[in-house]
Amino acid sequence: MRLKNKVAIVTGAGAGIGRGIAERFGREGALVVIAEIDAKSGESAMRAIRDAGGKAIFAPTDVSDESQVAAMVKKALDQYGRIDVLCNNAAVLLHGEEARAHELTNET
């Protein structure tokens, strides 16, 4: 259990590769933060980790929305007090729009 009691945020953790990563982190003993845009799949991933004996919370997050990312980070810090691992798995899909890159600060 290399990740035992490490706080791990996984974006896009509701399905596919992100869900696999989140479930693996849960089996490794991490305290998993499911950051997912789709509430149904995010809650399902959280329940799967908990049902397998792991610990997880769900934070609804659209990673293209800076305020939602900040709220997710706040929820993780409020629940666990720190963040040890960040797995940026989610994709930002913009249909015909140009995306701006944001700088992360210590406040984020």
PDB file of N, CA and C in Angstrom:
ATOM      1  N   MET A   1       0.833  -1.189   0.000  1.00  0.00           N
ATOM      2  CA  MET A   1       0.000   0.000   0.000  1.00  0.00           C
ATOM      3  C   MET A   1       0.875   1.249   0.000  1.00  0.00           C
ATOM      4  N   ARG A   2       1.462   1.531  -1.119  1.00  0.00           N
ATOM      5  CA  ARG A   2       2.356   2.679  -1.250  1.00  0.00           C
ATOM      6  C   ARG A   2       1.646   4.016  -1.084  1.00  0.00           C
ATOM      7  N   LEU A   3       0.368   4.060  -1.340  1.00  0.00           N
ATOM      8  CA  LEU A   3      -0.378   5.316  -1.262  1.00  0.00           C
ATOM      9  C   LEU A   3      -1.205   5.430   0.012  1.00  0.00           C
ATOM     10  N   LYS A   4      -0.966   4.572   0.971  1.00  0.00           N
ATOM     11  CA  LYS A   4      -1.764   4.561   2.196  1.00  0.00           C
ATOM     12  C   LYS A   4      -1.810   5.950   2.825  1.00  0.00           C
ATOM     13  N   ASN A   5      -3.042   6.434   3.001  1.00  0.00           N
ATOM     14  CA  ASN A   5      -3.336   7.726   3.620  1.00  0.00           C
ATOM     15  C   ASN A   5      -2.819   8.937   2.847  1.00  0.00           C
ATOM     16  N   LYS A   6      -2.439   8.748   1.591  1.00  0.00           N
ATOM     17  CA  LYS A   6      -2.093   9.880   0.731  1.00  0.00           C
ATOM     18  C   LYS A   6      -3.387  10.399   0.106  1.00  0.00           C
ATOM     19  N   VAL A   7      -3.541  11.712   0.049  1.00  0.00           N
ATOM     20  CA  VAL A   7      -4.724  12.315  -0.556  1.00  0.00           C
ATOM     21  C   VAL A   7      -4.465  12.471  -2.051  1.00  0.00           C
ATOM     22  N   ALA A   8      -5.308  11.826  -2.859  1.00  0.00           N
ATOM     23  CA  ALA A   8      -5.099  11.800  -4.306  1.00  0.00           C
ATOM     24  C   ALA A   8      -6.326  12.329  -5.040  1.00  0.00           C
ATOM     25  N   ILE A   9      -6.142  13.398  -5.788  1.00  0.00           N
ATOM     26  CA  ILE A   9      -7.194  13.922  -6.661  1.00  0.00           C
ATOM     27  C   ILE A   9      -7.010  13.283  -8.033  1.00  0.00           C
ATOM     28  N   VAL A  10      -8.113  12.762  -8.586  1.00  0.00           N
ATOM     29  CA  VAL A  10      -8.085  12.223  -9.945  1.00  0.00           C
ATOM     30  C   VAL A  10      -9.177  12.936 -10.732  1.00  0.00           C
ATOM     31  N   THR A  11      -8.775  13.715 -11.739  1.00  0.00           N
ATOM     32  CA  THR A  11      -9.771  14.377 -12.577  1.00  0.00           C
ATOM     33  C   THR A  11     -10.233  13.400 -13.659  1.00  0.00           C
ATOM     34  N   GLY A  12     -11.497  13.536 -14.039  1.00  0.00           N
ATOM     35  CA  GLY A  12     -12.052  12.617 -15.032  1.00  0.00           C
ATOM     36  C   GLY A  12     -12.145  11.203 -14.502  1.00  0.00           C
ATOM     37  N   ALA A  13     -12.429  11.086 -13.206  1.00  0.00           N
ATOM     38  CA  ALA A  13     -12.385   9.785 -12.533  1.00  0.00           C
ATOM     39  C   ALA A  13     -13.689   9.002 -12.598  1.00  0.00           C
ATOM     40  N   GLY A  14     -14.662   9.481 -13.343  1.00  0.00           N
ATOM     41  CA  GLY A  14     -15.945   8.803 -13.389  1.00  0.00           C
ATOM     42  C   GLY A  14     -16.001   7.608 -14.319  1.00  0.00           C
ATOM     43  N   ALA A  15     -15.091   7.537 -15.277  1.00  0.00           N
ATOM     44  CA  ALA A  15     -15.148   6.456 -16.261  1.00  0.00           C
ATOM     45  C   ALA A  15     -13.774   6.250 -16.886  1.00  0.00           C
ATOM     46  N   GLY A  16     -13.646   5.145 -17.580  1.00  0.00           N
ATOM     47  CA  GLY A  16     -12.452   4.876 -18.372  1.00  0.00           C
ATOM     48  C   GLY A  16     -11.164   4.824 -17.571  1.00  0.00           C
ATOM     49  N   ILE A  17     -10.115   5.394 -18.146  1.00  0.00           N
ATOM     50  CA  ILE A  17      -8.793   5.361 -17.523  1.00  0.00           C
ATOM     51  C   ILE A  17      -8.814   6.053 -16.163  1.00  0.00           C
ATOM     52  N   GLY A  18      -9.500   7.198 -16.070  1.00  0.00           N
ATOM     53  CA  GLY A  18      -9.569   7.921 -14.804  1.00  0.00           C
ATOM     54  C   GLY A  18     -10.198   7.104 -13.701  1.00  0.00           C
ATOM     55  N   ARG A  19     -11.255   6.383 -14.028  1.00  0.00           N
ATOM     56  CA  ARG A  19     -11.895   5.544 -13.015  1.00  0.00           C
ATOM     57  C   ARG A  19     -10.959   4.411 -12.607  1.00  0.00           C
ATOM     58  N   GLY A  20     -10.291   3.819 -13.575  1.00  0.00           N
ATOM     59  CA  GLY A  20      -9.331   2.766 -13.257  1.00  0.00           C
ATOM     60  C   GLY A  20      -8.228   3.262 -12.337  1.00  0.00           C
ATOM     61  N   ILE A  21      -7.730   4.464 -12.613  1.00  0.00           N
ATOM     62  CA  ILE A  21      -6.692   5.053 -11.761  1.00  0.00           C
ATOM     63  C   ILE A  21      -7.239   5.279 -10.356  1.00  0.00           C
ATOM     64  N   ALA A  22      -8.429   5.882 -10.266  1.00  0.00           N
ATOM     65  CA  ALA A  22      -9.027   6.167  -8.960  1.00  0.00           C
ATOM     66  C   ALA A  22      -9.247   4.888  -8.156  1.00  0.00           C
ATOM     67  N   GLU A  23      -9.766   3.848  -8.813  1.00  0.00           N
ATOM     68  CA  GLU A  23     -10.001   2.586  -8.106  1.00  0.00           C
ATOM     69  C   GLU A  23      -8.687   1.960  -7.656  1.00  0.00           C
ATOM     70  N   ARG A  24      -7.660   2.040  -8.489  1.00  0.00           N
ATOM     71  CA  ARG A  24      -6.347   1.503  -8.104  1.00  0.00           C
ATOM     72  C   ARG A  24      -5.781   2.274  -6.915  1.00  0.00           C
ATOM     73  N   PHE A  25      -5.882   3.604  -6.967  1.00  0.00           N
ATOM     74  CA  PHE A  25      -5.418   4.412  -5.842  1.00  0.00           C
ATOM     75  C   PHE A  25      -6.160   4.016  -4.567  1.00  0.00           C
ATOM     76  N   GLY A  26      -7.468   3.784  -4.681  1.00  0.00           N
ATOM     77  CA  GLY A  26      -8.253   3.351  -3.527  1.00  0.00           C
ATOM     78  C   GLY A  26      -7.764   2.027  -2.973  1.00  0.00           C
ATOM     79  N   ARG A  27      -7.462   1.079  -3.859  1.00  0.00           N
ATOM     80  CA  ARG A  27      -6.933  -0.221  -3.404  1.00  0.00           C
ATOM     81  C   ARG A  27      -5.561  -0.074  -2.756  1.00  0.00           C
ATOM     82  N   GLU A  28      -4.808   0.936  -3.181  1.00  0.00           N
ATOM     83  CA  GLU A  28      -3.478   1.191  -2.620  1.00  0.00           C
ATOM     84  C   GLU A  28      -3.554   1.959  -1.302  1.00  0.00           C
ATOM     85  N   GLY A  29      -4.775   2.292  -0.854  1.00  0.00           N
ATOM     86  CA  GLY A  29      -4.942   2.954   0.437  1.00  0.00           C
ATOM     87  C   GLY A  29      -5.044   4.464   0.397  1.00  0.00           C
ATOM     88  N   ALA A  30      -5.106   5.048  -0.798  1.00  0.00           N
ATOM     89  CA  ALA A  30      -5.221   6.505  -0.905  1.00  0.00           C
ATOM     90  C   ALA A  30      -6.605   6.977  -0.471  1.00  0.00           C
ATOM     91  N   LEU A  31      -6.661   8.228  -0.059  1.00  0.00           N
ATOM     92  CA  LEU A  31      -7.914   8.924   0.198  1.00  0.00           C
ATOM     93  C   LEU A  31      -8.219   9.648  -1.112  1.00  0.00           C
ATOM     94  N   VAL A  32      -9.164   9.120  -1.877  1.00  0.00           N
ATOM     95  CA  VAL A  32      -9.360   9.545  -3.262  1.00  0.00           C
ATOM     96  C   VAL A  32     -10.411  10.647  -3.375  1.00  0.00           C
ATOM     97  N   VAL A  33     -10.078  11.676  -4.140  1.00  0.00           N
ATOM     98  CA  VAL A  33     -11.026  12.728  -4.491  1.00  0.00           C
ATOM     99  C   VAL A  33     -11.404  12.507  -5.950  1.00  0.00           C
ATOM    100  N   ILE A  34     -12.662  12.125  -6.168  1.00  0.00           N
ATOM    101  CA  ILE A  34     -13.188  11.897  -7.512  1.00  0.00           C
ATOM    102  C   ILE A  34     -13.621  13.250  -8.067  1.00  0.00           C
ATOM    103  N   ALA A  35     -12.846  13.808  -8.977  1.00  0.00           N
ATOM    104  CA  ALA A  35     -13.172  15.089  -9.613  1.00  0.00           C
ATOM    105  C   ALA A  35     -13.727  14.772 -10.998  1.00  0.00           C
ATOM    106  N   GLU A  36     -15.035  14.929 -11.150  1.00  0.00           N
ATOM    107  CA  GLU A  36     -15.722  14.443 -12.352  1.00  0.00           C
ATOM    108  C   GLU A  36     -16.853  15.396 -12.718  1.00  0.00           C
ATOM    109  N   ILE A  37     -17.012  15.665 -14.004  1.00  0.00           N
ATOM    110  CA  ILE A  37     -18.058  16.567 -14.481  1.00  0.00           C
ATOM    111  C   ILE A  37     -19.444  15.922 -14.400  1.00  0.00           C
ATOM    112  N   ASP A  38     -19.529  14.617 -14.590  1.00  0.00           N
ATOM    113  CA  ASP A  38     -20.811  13.906 -14.610  1.00  0.00           C
ATOM    114  C   ASP A  38     -21.122  13.346 -13.219  1.00  0.00           C
ATOM    115  N   ALA A  39     -22.162  13.877 -12.587  1.00  0.00           N
ATOM    116  CA  ALA A  39     -22.486  13.497 -11.209  1.00  0.00           C
ATOM    117  C   ALA A  39     -22.771  12.003 -11.065  1.00  0.00           C
ATOM    118  N   LYS A  40     -23.513  11.439 -12.001  1.00  0.00           N
ATOM    119  CA  LYS A  40     -23.877  10.024 -11.896  1.00  0.00           C
ATOM    120  C   LYS A  40     -22.635   9.130 -11.920  1.00  0.00           C
ATOM    121  N   SER A  41     -21.735   9.357 -12.859  1.00  0.00           N
ATOM    122  CA  SER A  41     -20.540   8.511 -12.932  1.00  0.00           C
ATOM    123  C   SER A  41     -19.571   8.821 -11.795  1.00  0.00           C
ATOM    124  N   GLY A  42     -19.503  10.074 -11.362  1.00  0.00           N
ATOM    125  CA  GLY A  42     -18.640  10.427 -10.235  1.00  0.00           C
ATOM    126  C   GLY A  42     -19.080   9.757  -8.945  1.00  0.00           C
ATOM    127  N   GLU A  43     -20.378   9.795  -8.683  1.00  0.00           N
ATOM    128  CA  GLU A  43     -20.898   9.143  -7.478  1.00  0.00           C
ATOM    129  C   GLU A  43     -20.749   7.629  -7.568  1.00  0.00           C
ATOM    130  N   SER A  44     -20.916   7.074  -8.767  1.00  0.00           N
ATOM    131  CA  SER A  44     -20.733   5.638  -8.962  1.00  0.00           C
ATOM    132  C   SER A  44     -19.293   5.224  -8.661  1.00  0.00           C
ATOM    133  N   ALA A  45     -18.334   6.007  -9.134  1.00  0.00           N
ATOM    134  CA  ALA A  45     -16.923   5.705  -8.868  1.00  0.00           C
ATOM    135  C   ALA A  45     -16.621   5.797  -7.378  1.00  0.00           C
ATOM    136  N   MET A  46     -17.172   6.819  -6.719  1.00  0.00           N
ATOM    137  CA  MET A  46     -16.981   6.966  -5.278  1.00  0.00           C
ATOM    138  C   MET A  46     -17.532   5.747  -4.536  1.00  0.00           C
ATOM    139  N   ARG A  47     -18.742   5.331  -4.888  1.00  0.00           N
ATOM    140  CA  ARG A  47     -19.352   4.166  -4.232  1.00  0.00           C
ATOM    141  C   ARG A  47     -18.538   2.901  -4.475  1.00  0.00           C
ATOM    142  N   ALA A  48     -18.027   2.731  -5.693  1.00  0.00           N
ATOM    143  CA  ALA A  48     -17.229   1.535  -6.006  1.00  0.00           C
ATOM    144  C   ALA A  48     -15.988   1.465  -5.124  1.00  0.00           C
ATOM    145  N   ILE A  49     -15.331   2.599  -4.933  1.00  0.00           N
ATOM    146  CA  ILE A  49     -14.138   2.618  -4.077  1.00  0.00           C
ATOM    147  C   ILE A  49     -14.523   2.312  -2.641  1.00  0.00           C
ATOM    148  N   ARG A  50     -15.586   2.938  -2.163  1.00  0.00           N
ATOM    149  CA  ARG A  50     -16.033   2.691  -0.783  1.00  0.00           C
ATOM    150  C   ARG A  50     -16.481   1.242  -0.596  1.00  0.00           C
ATOM    151  N   ASP A  51     -17.216   0.706  -1.571  1.00  0.00           N
ATOM    152  CA  ASP A  51     -17.685  -0.683  -1.475  1.00  0.00           C
ATOM    153  C   ASP A  51     -16.532  -1.674  -1.425  1.00  0.00           C
ATOM    154  N   ALA A  52     -15.390  -1.295  -2.008  1.00  0.00           N
ATOM    155  CA  ALA A  52     -14.203  -2.159  -1.997  1.00  0.00           C
ATOM    156  C   ALA A  52     -13.351  -1.934  -0.744  1.00  0.00           C
ATOM    157  N   GLY A  53     -13.860  -1.106   0.180  1.00  0.00           N
ATOM    158  CA  GLY A  53     -13.146  -0.873   1.432  1.00  0.00           C
ATOM    159  C   GLY A  53     -12.258   0.354   1.439  1.00  0.00           C
ATOM    160  N   GLY A  54     -12.283   1.130   0.345  1.00  0.00           N
ATOM    161  CA  GLY A  54     -11.456   2.334   0.274  1.00  0.00           C
ATOM    162  C   GLY A  54     -12.197   3.563   0.754  1.00  0.00           C
ATOM    163  N   LYS A  55     -11.504   4.676   0.701  1.00  0.00           N
ATOM    164  CA  LYS A  55     -12.081   5.954   1.117  1.00  0.00           C
ATOM    165  C   LYS A  55     -12.064   6.901  -0.070  1.00  0.00           C
ATOM    166  N   ALA A  56     -13.212   7.544  -0.311  1.00  0.00           N
ATOM    167  CA  ALA A  56     -13.318   8.455  -1.449  1.00  0.00           C
ATOM    168  C   ALA A  56     -14.415   9.472  -1.205  1.00  0.00           C
ATOM    169  N   ILE A  57     -14.233  10.645  -1.796  1.00  0.00           N
ATOM    170  CA  ILE A  57     -15.284  11.656  -1.852  1.00  0.00           C
ATOM    171  C   ILE A  57     -15.447  12.063  -3.312  1.00  0.00           C
ATOM    172  N   PHE A  58     -16.626  12.596  -3.624  1.00  0.00           N
ATOM    173  CA  PHE A  58     -16.903  13.061  -4.976  1.00  0.00           C
ATOM    174  C   PHE A  58     -17.006  14.575  -4.970  1.00  0.00           C
ATOM    175  N   ALA A  59     -16.334  15.218  -5.903  1.00  0.00           N
ATOM    176  CA  ALA A  59     -16.404  16.669  -6.066  1.00  0.00           C
ATOM    177  C   ALA A  59     -16.767  16.970  -7.516  1.00  0.00           C
ATOM    178  N   PRO A  60     -17.998  17.427  -7.773  1.00  0.00           N
ATOM    179  CA  PRO A  60     -18.385  17.753  -9.142  1.00  0.00           C
ATOM    180  C   PRO A  60     -17.434  18.807  -9.711  1.00  0.00           C
ATOM    181  N   THR A  61     -16.794  18.491 -10.833  1.00  0.00           N
ATOM    182  CA  THR A  61     -15.775  19.399 -11.362  1.00  0.00           C
ATOM    183  C   THR A  61     -15.736  19.389 -12.883  1.00  0.00           C
ATOM    184  N   ASP A  62     -15.934  20.570 -13.459  1.00  0.00           N
ATOM    185  CA  ASP A  62     -15.657  20.791 -14.873  1.00  0.00           C
ATOM    186  C   ASP A  62     -14.277  21.439 -14.902  1.00  0.00           C
ATOM    187  N   VAL A  63     -13.265  20.718 -15.347  1.00  0.00           N
ATOM    188  CA  VAL A  63     -11.894  21.229 -15.280  1.00  0.00           C
ATOM    189  C   VAL A  63     -11.655  22.441 -16.178  1.00  0.00           C
ATOM    190  N   SER A  64     -12.595  22.750 -17.072  1.00  0.00           N
ATOM    191  CA  SER A  64     -12.458  23.945 -17.901  1.00  0.00           C
ATOM    192  C   SER A  64     -12.984  25.190 -17.188  1.00  0.00           C
ATOM    193  N   ASP A  65     -13.550  25.008 -15.996  1.00  0.00           N
ATOM    194  CA  ASP A  65     -14.115  26.108 -15.216  1.00  0.00           C
ATOM    195  C   ASP A  65     -13.258  26.323 -13.967  1.00  0.00           C
ATOM    196  N   GLU A  66     -12.490  27.404 -13.973  1.00  0.00           N
ATOM    197  CA  GLU A  66     -11.541  27.663 -12.889  1.00  0.00           C
ATOM    198  C   GLU A  66     -12.215  27.703 -11.516  1.00  0.00           C
ATOM    199  N   SER A  67     -13.435  28.241 -11.436  1.00  0.00           N
ATOM    200  CA  SER A  67     -14.118  28.320 -10.142  1.00  0.00           C
ATOM    201  C   SER A  67     -14.504  26.932  -9.631  1.00  0.00           C
ATOM    202  N   GLN A  68     -14.859  26.015 -10.537  1.00  0.00           N
ATOM    203  CA  GLN A  68     -15.179  24.653 -10.110  1.00  0.00           C
ATOM    204  C   GLN A  68     -13.928  23.913  -9.651  1.00  0.00           C
ATOM    205  N   VAL A  69     -12.806  24.162 -10.310  1.00  0.00           N
ATOM    206  CA  VAL A  69     -11.547  23.540  -9.880  1.00  0.00           C
ATOM    207  C   VAL A  69     -11.180  24.048  -8.492  1.00  0.00           C
ATOM    208  N   ALA A  70     -11.322  25.354  -8.270  1.00  0.00           N
ATOM    209  CA  ALA A  70     -11.022  25.925  -6.955  1.00  0.00           C
ATOM    210  C   ALA A  70     -11.935  25.333  -5.884  1.00  0.00           C
ATOM    211  N   ALA A  71     -13.213  25.148  -6.208  1.00  0.00           N
ATOM    212  CA  ALA A  71     -14.156  24.555  -5.252  1.00  0.00           C
ATOM    213  C   ALA A  71     -13.784  23.104  -4.945  1.00  0.00           C
ATOM    214  N   MET A  72     -13.338  22.371  -5.953  1.00  0.00           N
ATOM    215  CA  MET A  72     -12.921  20.977  -5.750  1.00  0.00           C
ATOM    216  C   MET A  72     -11.701  20.911  -4.840  1.00  0.00           C
ATOM    217  N   VAL A  73     -10.727  21.782  -5.086  1.00  0.00           N
ATOM    218  CA  VAL A  73      -9.527  21.812  -4.243  1.00  0.00           C
ATOM    219  C   VAL A  73      -9.911  22.166  -2.812  1.00  0.00           C
ATOM    220  N   LYS A  74     -10.806  23.143  -2.642  1.00  0.00           N
ATOM    221  CA  LYS A  74     -11.266  23.521  -1.303  1.00  0.00           C
ATOM    222  C   LYS A  74     -11.930  22.344  -0.605  1.00  0.00           C
ATOM    223  N   LYS A  75     -12.769  21.608  -1.333  1.00  0.00           N
ATOM    224  CA  LYS A  75     -13.441  20.451  -0.737  1.00  0.00           C
ATOM    225  C   LYS A  75     -12.420  19.413  -0.288  1.00  0.00           C
ATOM    226  N   ALA A  76     -11.414  19.161  -1.113  1.00  0.00           N
ATOM    227  CA  ALA A  76     -10.365  18.199  -0.749  1.00  0.00           C
ATOM    228  C   ALA A  76      -9.619  18.660   0.498  1.00  0.00           C
ATOM    229  N   LEU A  77      -9.260  19.933   0.536  1.00  0.00           N
ATOM    230  CA  LEU A  77      -8.529  20.460   1.692  1.00  0.00           C
ATOM    231  C   LEU A  77      -9.395  20.487   2.943  1.00  0.00           C
ATOM    232  N   ASP A  78     -10.677  20.835   2.791  1.00  0.00           N
ATOM    233  CA  ASP A  78     -11.587  20.832   3.942  1.00  0.00           C
ATOM    234  C   ASP A  78     -11.755  19.425   4.506  1.00  0.00           C
ATOM    235  N   GLN A  79     -11.829  18.434   3.624  1.00  0.00           N
ATOM    236  CA  GLN A  79     -12.041  17.045   4.051  1.00  0.00           C
ATOM    237  C   GLN A  79     -10.773  16.418   4.614  1.00  0.00           C
ATOM    238  N   TYR A  80      -9.644  16.617   3.936  1.00  0.00           N
ATOM    239  CA  TYR A  80      -8.431  15.873   4.274  1.00  0.00           C
ATOM    240  C   TYR A  80      -7.256  16.731   4.762  1.00  0.00           C
ATOM    241  N   GLY A  81      -7.324  18.043   4.557  1.00  0.00           N
ATOM    242  CA  GLY A  81      -6.287  18.929   5.075  1.00  0.00           C
ATOM    243  C   GLY A  81      -5.045  19.095   4.218  1.00  0.00           C
ATOM    244  N   ARG A  82      -4.957  18.342   3.153  1.00  0.00           N
ATOM    245  CA  ARG A  82      -3.776  18.430   2.288  1.00  0.00           C
ATOM    246  C   ARG A  82      -4.072  17.708   0.972  1.00  0.00           C
ATOM    247  N   ILE A  83      -3.166  17.868   0.015  1.00  0.00           N
ATOM    248  CA  ILE A  83      -3.216  17.130  -1.249  1.00  0.00           C
ATOM    249  C   ILE A  83      -1.816  16.600  -1.505  1.00  0.00           C
ATOM    250  N   ASP A  84      -1.712  15.290  -1.704  1.00  0.00           N
ATOM    251  CA  ASP A  84      -0.408  14.662  -1.937  1.00  0.00           C
ATOM    252  C   ASP A  84      -0.178  14.287  -3.395  1.00  0.00           C
ATOM    253  N   VAL A  85      -1.250  13.908  -4.084  1.00  0.00           N
ATOM    254  CA  VAL A  85      -1.143  13.405  -5.458  1.00  0.00           C
ATOM    255  C   VAL A  85      -2.205  14.090  -6.314  1.00  0.00           C
ATOM    256  N   LEU A  86      -1.805  14.519  -7.504  1.00  0.00           N
ATOM    257  CA  LEU A  86      -2.755  15.073  -8.462  1.00  0.00           C
ATOM    258  C   LEU A  86      -2.581  14.350  -9.785  1.00  0.00           C
ATOM    259  N   CYS A  87      -3.637  13.673 -10.219  1.00  0.00           N
ATOM    260  CA  CYS A  87      -3.625  12.985 -11.506  1.00  0.00           C
ATOM    261  C   CYS A  87      -4.558  13.749 -12.449  1.00  0.00           C
ATOM    262  N   ASN A  88      -3.962  14.525 -13.344  1.00  0.00           N
ATOM    263  CA  ASN A  88      -4.732  15.320 -14.309  1.00  0.00           C
ATOM    264  C   ASN A  88      -5.102  14.449 -15.505  1.00  0.00           C
ATOM    265  N   ASN A  89      -6.171  13.700 -15.359  1.00  0.00           N
ATOM    266  CA  ASN A  89      -6.594  12.767 -16.387  1.00  0.00           C
ATOM    267  C   ASN A  89      -7.673  13.351 -17.306  1.00  0.00           C
ATOM    268  N   ALA A  90      -8.490  14.268 -16.799  1.00  0.00           N
ATOM    269  CA  ALA A  90      -9.625  14.778 -17.576  1.00  0.00           C
ATOM    270  C   ALA A  90      -9.156  15.584 -18.775  1.00  0.00           C
ATOM    271  N   ALA A  91      -9.918  15.465 -19.840  1.00  0.00           N
ATOM    272  CA  ALA A  91      -9.654  16.252 -21.043  1.00  0.00           C
ATOM    273  C   ALA A  91     -10.609  17.433 -21.067  1.00  0.00           C
ATOM    274  N   VAL A  92     -10.155  18.520 -21.618  1.00  0.00           N
ATOM    275  CA  VAL A  92     -11.019  19.674 -21.833  1.00  0.00           C
ATOM    276  C   VAL A  92     -11.336  19.697 -23.315  1.00  0.00           C
ATOM    277  N   LEU A  93     -12.582  19.411 -23.636  1.00  0.00           N
ATOM    278  CA  LEU A  93     -13.000  19.365 -25.035  1.00  0.00           C
ATOM    279  C   LEU A  93     -13.811  20.609 -25.351  1.00  0.00           C
ATOM    280  N   LEU A  94     -13.258  21.449 -26.171  1.00  0.00           N
ATOM    281  CA  LEU A  94     -13.946  22.666 -26.586  1.00  0.00           C
ATOM    282  C   LEU A  94     -14.290  22.530 -28.058  1.00  0.00           C
ATOM    283  N   HIS A  95     -15.519  22.762 -28.381  1.00  0.00           N
ATOM    284  CA  HIS A  95     -15.983  22.600 -29.754  1.00  0.00           C
ATOM    285  C   HIS A  95     -15.825  23.916 -30.506  1.00  0.00           C
ATOM    286  N   GLY A  96     -14.705  24.048 -31.221  1.00  0.00           N
ATOM    287  CA  GLY A  96     -14.480  25.230 -32.019  1.00  0.00           C
ATOM    288  C   GLY A  96     -14.017  26.445 -31.240  1.00  0.00           C
ATOM    289  N   GLU A  97     -13.774  26.305 -29.956  1.00  0.00           N
ATOM    290  CA  GLU A  97     -13.312  27.431 -29.153  1.00  0.00           C
ATOM    291  C   GLU A  97     -11.827  27.286 -28.868  1.00  0.00           C
ATOM    292  N   GLU A  98     -11.199  28.422 -28.681  1.00  0.00           N
ATOM    293  CA  GLU A  98      -9.792  28.411 -28.322  1.00  0.00           C
ATOM    294  C   GLU A  98      -9.684  28.454 -26.804  1.00  0.00           C
ATOM    295  N   ALA A  99      -8.845  27.626 -26.234  1.00  0.00           N
ATOM    296  CA  ALA A  99      -8.702  27.561 -24.777  1.00  0.00           C
ATOM    297  C   ALA A  99      -7.529  28.413 -24.328  1.00  0.00           C
ATOM    298  N   ARG A 100      -7.651  28.999 -23.149  1.00  0.00           N
ATOM    299  CA  ARG A 100      -6.563  29.741 -22.514  1.00  0.00           C
ATOM    300  C   ARG A 100      -5.975  28.883 -21.410  1.00  0.00           C
ATOM    301  N   ALA A 101      -4.693  28.879 -21.321  1.00  0.00           N
ATOM    302  CA  ALA A 101      -4.037  28.174 -20.221  1.00  0.00           C
ATOM    303  C   ALA A 101      -4.022  29.097 -19.012  1.00  0.00           C
ATOM    304  N   HIS A 102      -4.286  28.539 -17.849  1.00  0.00           N
ATOM    305  CA  HIS A 102      -4.287  29.304 -16.602  1.00  0.00           C
ATOM    306  C   HIS A 102      -3.079  28.915 -15.773  1.00  0.00           C
ATOM    307  N   GLU A 103      -2.537  29.878 -15.090  1.00  0.00           N
ATOM    308  CA  GLU A 103      -1.452  29.581 -14.168  1.00  0.00           C
ATOM    309  C   GLU A 103      -2.054  29.208 -12.827  1.00  0.00           C
ATOM    310  N   LEU A 104      -1.544  28.146 -12.230  1.00  0.00           N
ATOM    311  CA  LEU A 104      -1.981  27.757 -10.903  1.00  0.00           C
ATOM    312  C   LEU A 104      -1.135  28.490  -9.883  1.00  0.00           C
ATOM    313  N   THR A 105      -1.788  28.967  -8.855  1.00  0.00           N
ATOM    314  CA  THR A 105      -1.075  29.641  -7.782  1.00  0.00           C
ATOM    315  C   THR A 105      -1.184  28.808  -6.521  1.00  0.00           C
ATOM    316  N   ASN A 106      -0.493  29.207  -5.492  1.00  0.00           N
ATOM    317  CA  ASN A 106      -0.604  28.513  -4.211  1.00  0.00           C
ATOM    318  C   ASN A 106      -2.005  28.622  -3.647  1.00  0.00           C
ATOM    319  N   GLU A 107      -2.766  29.624  -4.073  1.00  0.00           N
ATOM    320  CA  GLU A 107      -4.125  29.809  -3.587  1.00  0.00           C
ATOM    321  C   GLU A 107      -5.102  28.846  -4.230  1.00  0.00           C
ATOM    322  N   THR A 108      -4.758  28.274  -5.370  1.00  0.00           N
ATOM    323  CA  THR A 108      -5.686  27.409  -6.088  1.00  0.00           C
ATOM    324  C   THR A 108      -5.786  26.092  -5.451  1.00  0.00           C
TER     325      THR A 108
END
